[in-house]
């Protein structure tokens, strides 16, 4: 019975997952965006005619 070497396939999958994780924003990034948008909304509320 021949043994198939799956290591290259698993290496490819691991590398692909790492690249995808670099593209996805972290929880901290979302919190910073949320805080920035909240501050911007408050500024607009103050200048309402």
PDB file of N, CA and C in Angstrom:
ATOM      1  N   UNK A   1       0.849  -1.171   0.000  1.00  0.00           N
ATOM      2  CA  UNK A   1       0.000   0.000   0.000  1.00  0.00           C
ATOM      3  C   UNK A   1       0.899   1.240   0.000  1.00  0.00           C
ATOM      4  N   UNK A   2       0.652   2.138  -0.943  1.00  0.00           N
ATOM      5  CA  UNK A   2       1.482   3.336  -1.015  1.00  0.00           C
ATOM      6  C   UNK A   2       0.950   4.401  -0.064  1.00  0.00           C
ATOM      7  N   UNK A   3       1.866   5.150   0.475  1.00  0.00           N
ATOM      8  CA  UNK A   3       1.482   6.221   1.397  1.00  0.00           C
ATOM      9  C   UNK A   3       1.513   7.539   0.637  1.00  0.00           C
ATOM     10  N   UNK A   4       0.423   8.282   0.700  1.00  0.00           N
ATOM     11  CA  UNK A   4       0.332   9.573   0.029  1.00  0.00           C
ATOM     12  C   UNK A   4       0.834  10.658   0.971  1.00  0.00           C
ATOM     13  N   UNK A   5       1.647  11.526   0.424  1.00  0.00           N
ATOM     14  CA  UNK A   5       2.198  12.618   1.225  1.00  0.00           C
ATOM     15  C   UNK A   5       1.270  13.832   1.120  1.00  0.00           C
ATOM     16  N   UNK A   6       0.548  14.113   2.183  1.00  0.00           N
ATOM     17  CA  UNK A   6      -0.386  15.229   2.202  1.00  0.00           C
ATOM     18  C   UNK A   6       0.233  16.507   2.756  1.00  0.00           C
ATOM     19  N   UNK A   7       1.498  16.461   3.168  1.00  0.00           N
ATOM     20  CA  UNK A   7       2.131  17.620   3.770  1.00  0.00           C
ATOM     21  C   UNK A   7       2.090  18.856   2.871  1.00  0.00           C
ATOM     22  N   UNK A   8       2.384  18.763   1.580  1.00  0.00           N
ATOM     23  CA  UNK A   8       2.295  19.972   0.734  1.00  0.00           C
ATOM     24  C   UNK A   8       0.888  20.572   0.700  1.00  0.00           C
ATOM     25  N   UNK A   9      -0.105  19.726   0.699  1.00  0.00           N
ATOM     26  CA  UNK A   9      -1.485  20.213   0.703  1.00  0.00           C
ATOM     27  C   UNK A   9      -1.797  20.942   2.010  1.00  0.00           C
ATOM     28  N   UNK A  10      -1.402  20.363   3.134  1.00  0.00           N
ATOM     29  CA  UNK A  10      -1.653  20.995   4.425  1.00  0.00           C
ATOM     30  C   UNK A  10      -0.853  22.290   4.568  1.00  0.00           C
ATOM     31  N   UNK A  11       0.364  22.305   4.035  1.00  0.00           N
ATOM     32  CA  UNK A  11       1.161  23.539   4.059  1.00  0.00           C
ATOM     33  C   UNK A  11       0.475  24.641   3.259  1.00  0.00           C
ATOM     34  N   UNK A  12      -0.068  24.281   2.108  1.00  0.00           N
ATOM     35  CA  UNK A  12      -0.781  25.249   1.274  1.00  0.00           C
ATOM     36  C   UNK A  12      -2.005  25.795   2.005  1.00  0.00           C
ATOM     37  N   UNK A  13      -2.759  24.921   2.634  1.00  0.00           N
ATOM     38  CA  UNK A  13      -3.950  25.345   3.387  1.00  0.00           C
ATOM     39  C   UNK A  13      -3.551  26.253   4.540  1.00  0.00           C
ATOM     40  N   UNK A  14      -2.513  25.898   5.280  1.00  0.00           N
ATOM     41  CA  UNK A  14      -2.044  26.730   6.395  1.00  0.00           C
ATOM     42  C   UNK A  14      -1.638  28.116   5.918  1.00  0.00           C
ATOM     43  N   UNK A  15      -0.911  28.188   4.799  1.00  0.00           N
ATOM     44  CA  UNK A  15      -0.482  29.476   4.261  1.00  0.00           C
ATOM     45  C   UNK A  15      -1.686  30.300   3.813  1.00  0.00           C
ATOM     46  N   UNK A  16      -2.657  29.669   3.183  1.00  0.00           N
ATOM     47  CA  UNK A  16      -3.861  30.368   2.728  1.00  0.00           C
ATOM     48  C   UNK A  16      -4.640  30.946   3.907  1.00  0.00           C
ATOM     49  N   UNK A  17      -4.748  30.178   4.969  1.00  0.00           N
ATOM     50  CA  UNK A  17      -5.467  30.639   6.159  1.00  0.00           C
ATOM     51  C   UNK A  17      -4.732  31.825   6.782  1.00  0.00           C
ATOM     52  N   UNK A  18      -3.411  31.759   6.853  1.00  0.00           N
ATOM     53  CA  UNK A  18      -2.639  32.875   7.410  1.00  0.00           C
ATOM     54  C   UNK A  18      -2.856  34.145   6.595  1.00  0.00           C
ATOM     55  N   UNK A  19      -2.864  34.019   5.266  1.00  0.00           N
ATOM     56  CA  UNK A  19      -3.080  35.184   4.409  1.00  0.00           C
ATOM     57  C   UNK A  19      -4.478  35.757   4.599  1.00  0.00           C
ATOM     58  N   UNK A  20      -5.466  34.894   4.737  1.00  0.00           N
ATOM     59  CA  UNK A  20      -6.835  35.373   4.962  1.00  0.00           C
ATOM     60  C   UNK A  20      -6.969  36.080   6.301  1.00  0.00           C
ATOM     61  N   UNK A  21      -6.333  35.539   7.330  1.00  0.00           N
ATOM     62  CA  UNK A  21      -6.410  36.156   8.651  1.00  0.00           C
ATOM     63  C   UNK A  21      -5.758  37.534   8.670  1.00  0.00           C
ATOM     64  N   UNK A  22      -4.751  37.746   7.830  1.00  0.00           N
ATOM     65  CA  UNK A  22      -4.125  39.062   7.751  1.00  0.00           C
ATOM     66  C   UNK A  22      -5.061  40.082   7.118  1.00  0.00           C
ATOM     67  N   UNK A  23      -5.970  39.627   6.260  1.00  0.00           N
ATOM     68  CA  UNK A  23      -6.899  40.531   5.577  1.00  0.00           C
ATOM     69  C   UNK A  23      -8.106  40.888   6.439  1.00  0.00           C
ATOM     70  N   UNK A  24      -8.433  40.036   7.380  1.00  0.00           N
ATOM     71  CA  UNK A  24      -9.611  40.243   8.218  1.00  0.00           C
ATOM     72  C   UNK A  24      -9.262  41.191   9.362  1.00  0.00           C
ATOM     73  N   UNK A  25     -10.123  42.171   9.567  1.00  0.00           N
ATOM     74  CA  UNK A  25      -9.895  43.125  10.655  1.00  0.00           C
ATOM     75  C   UNK A  25     -10.083  42.439  12.007  1.00  0.00           C
ATOM     76  N   UNK A  26      -9.310  42.880  12.972  1.00  0.00           N
ATOM     77  CA  UNK A  26      -9.397  42.305  14.314  1.00  0.00           C
ATOM     78  C   UNK A  26     -10.522  42.977  15.106  1.00  0.00           C
ATOM     79  N   UNK A  27     -10.805  42.418  16.253  1.00  0.00           N
ATOM     80  CA  UNK A  27     -11.835  42.982  17.133  1.00  0.00           C
ATOM     81  C   UNK A  27     -11.451  44.394  17.552  1.00  0.00           C
ATOM     82  N   UNK A  28     -10.157  44.606  17.810  1.00  0.00           N
ATOM     83  CA  UNK A  28      -9.688  45.934  18.203  1.00  0.00           C
ATOM     84  C   UNK A  28      -9.887  46.939  17.066  1.00  0.00           C
ATOM     85  N   UNK A  29      -9.669  46.496  15.827  1.00  0.00           N
ATOM     86  CA  UNK A  29      -9.888  47.386  14.679  1.00  0.00           C
ATOM     87  C   UNK A  29     -11.349  47.820  14.598  1.00  0.00           C
ATOM     88  N   UNK A  30     -12.267  46.875  14.808  1.00  0.00           N
ATOM     89  CA  UNK A  30     -13.686  47.206  14.775  1.00  0.00           C
ATOM     90  C   UNK A  30     -14.064  48.150  15.914  1.00  0.00           C
ATOM     91  N   UNK A  31     -13.477  47.934  17.090  1.00  0.00           N
ATOM     92  CA  UNK A  31     -13.771  48.818  18.224  1.00  0.00           C
ATOM     93  C   UNK A  31     -13.276  50.232  17.954  1.00  0.00           C
ATOM     94  N   UNK A  32     -12.096  50.364  17.356  1.00  0.00           N
ATOM     95  CA  UNK A  32     -11.572  51.688  17.011  1.00  0.00           C
ATOM     96  C   UNK A  32     -12.475  52.377  15.999  1.00  0.00           C
ATOM     97  N   UNK A  33     -12.926  51.633  15.001  1.00  0.00           N
ATOM     98  CA  UNK A  33     -13.825  52.195  13.995  1.00  0.00           C
ATOM     99  C   UNK A  33     -15.141  52.627  14.632  1.00  0.00           C
ATOM    100  N   UNK A  34     -15.672  51.798  15.506  1.00  0.00           N
ATOM    101  CA  UNK A  34     -16.929  52.108  16.188  1.00  0.00           C
ATOM    102  C   UNK A  34     -16.781  53.376  17.036  1.00  0.00           C
ATOM    103  N   UNK A  35     -15.688  53.500  17.767  1.00  0.00           N
ATOM    104  CA  UNK A  35     -15.459  54.685  18.589  1.00  0.00           C
ATOM    105  C   UNK A  35     -15.298  55.933  17.733  1.00  0.00           C
ATOM    106  N   UNK A  36     -14.600  55.810  16.623  1.00  0.00           N
ATOM    107  CA  UNK A  36     -14.410  56.954  15.730  1.00  0.00           C
ATOM    108  C   UNK A  36     -15.731  57.411  15.135  1.00  0.00           C
ATOM    109  N   UNK A  37     -16.547  56.469  14.707  1.00  0.00           N
ATOM    110  CA  UNK A  37     -17.844  56.829  14.139  1.00  0.00           C
ATOM    111  C   UNK A  37     -18.761  57.437  15.200  1.00  0.00           C
ATOM    112  N   UNK A  38     -18.689  56.934  16.418  1.00  0.00           N
ATOM    113  CA  UNK A  38     -19.489  57.507  17.506  1.00  0.00           C
ATOM    114  C   UNK A  38     -19.076  58.930  17.792  1.00  0.00           C
ATOM    115  N   UNK A  39     -17.774  59.209  17.804  1.00  0.00           N
ATOM    116  CA  UNK A  39     -17.291  60.572  18.043  1.00  0.00           C
ATOM    117  C   UNK A  39     -17.700  61.490  16.909  1.00  0.00           C
ATOM    118  N   UNK A  40     -17.631  61.009  15.685  1.00  0.00           N
ATOM    119  CA  UNK A  40     -18.042  61.814  14.535  1.00  0.00           C
ATOM    120  C   UNK A  40     -19.536  62.119  14.589  1.00  0.00           C
ATOM    121  N   UNK A  41     -20.336  61.146  14.959  1.00  0.00           N
ATOM    122  CA  UNK A  41     -21.783  61.363  15.070  1.00  0.00           C
ATOM    123  C   UNK A  41     -22.099  62.401  16.137  1.00  0.00           C
ATOM    124  N   UNK A  42     -21.396  62.382  17.257  1.00  0.00           N
ATOM    125  CA  UNK A  42     -21.617  63.383  18.313  1.00  0.00           C
ATOM    126  C   UNK A  42     -21.282  64.781  17.816  1.00  0.00           C
ATOM    127  N   UNK A  43     -20.209  64.894  17.020  1.00  0.00           N
ATOM    128  CA  UNK A  43     -19.834  66.213  16.482  1.00  0.00           C
ATOM    129  C   UNK A  43     -20.917  66.738  15.553  1.00  0.00           C
ATOM    130  N   UNK A  44     -21.487  65.881  14.736  1.00  0.00           N
ATOM    131  CA  UNK A  44     -22.548  66.309  13.833  1.00  0.00           C
ATOM    132  C   UNK A  44     -23.806  66.677  14.609  1.00  0.00           C
ATOM    133  N   UNK A  45     -24.082  65.977  15.703  1.00  0.00           N
ATOM    134  CA  UNK A  45     -25.259  66.301  16.515  1.00  0.00           C
ATOM    135  C   UNK A  45     -25.151  67.698  17.107  1.00  0.00           C
ATOM    136  N   UNK A  46     -23.950  68.124  17.474  1.00  0.00           N
ATOM    137  CA  UNK A  46     -23.763  69.444  18.071  1.00  0.00           C
ATOM    138  C   UNK A  46     -24.008  70.569  17.067  1.00  0.00           C
ATOM    139  N   UNK A  47     -23.764  70.322  15.802  1.00  0.00           N
ATOM    140  CA  UNK A  47     -23.899  71.359  14.783  1.00  0.00           C
ATOM    141  C   UNK A  47     -25.191  71.245  13.982  1.00  0.00           C
ATOM    142  N   UNK A  48     -26.168  70.612  14.559  1.00  0.00           N
ATOM    143  CA  UNK A  48     -27.459  70.470  13.902  1.00  0.00           C
ATOM    144  C   UNK A  48     -28.143  71.845  13.853  1.00  0.00           C
ATOM    145  N   UNK A  49     -28.630  72.288  12.661  1.00  0.00           N
ATOM    146  CA  UNK A  49     -29.287  73.615  12.566  1.00  0.00           C
ATOM    147  C   UNK A  49     -30.631  73.673  13.251  1.00  0.00           C
TER     148      UNK A  49
END
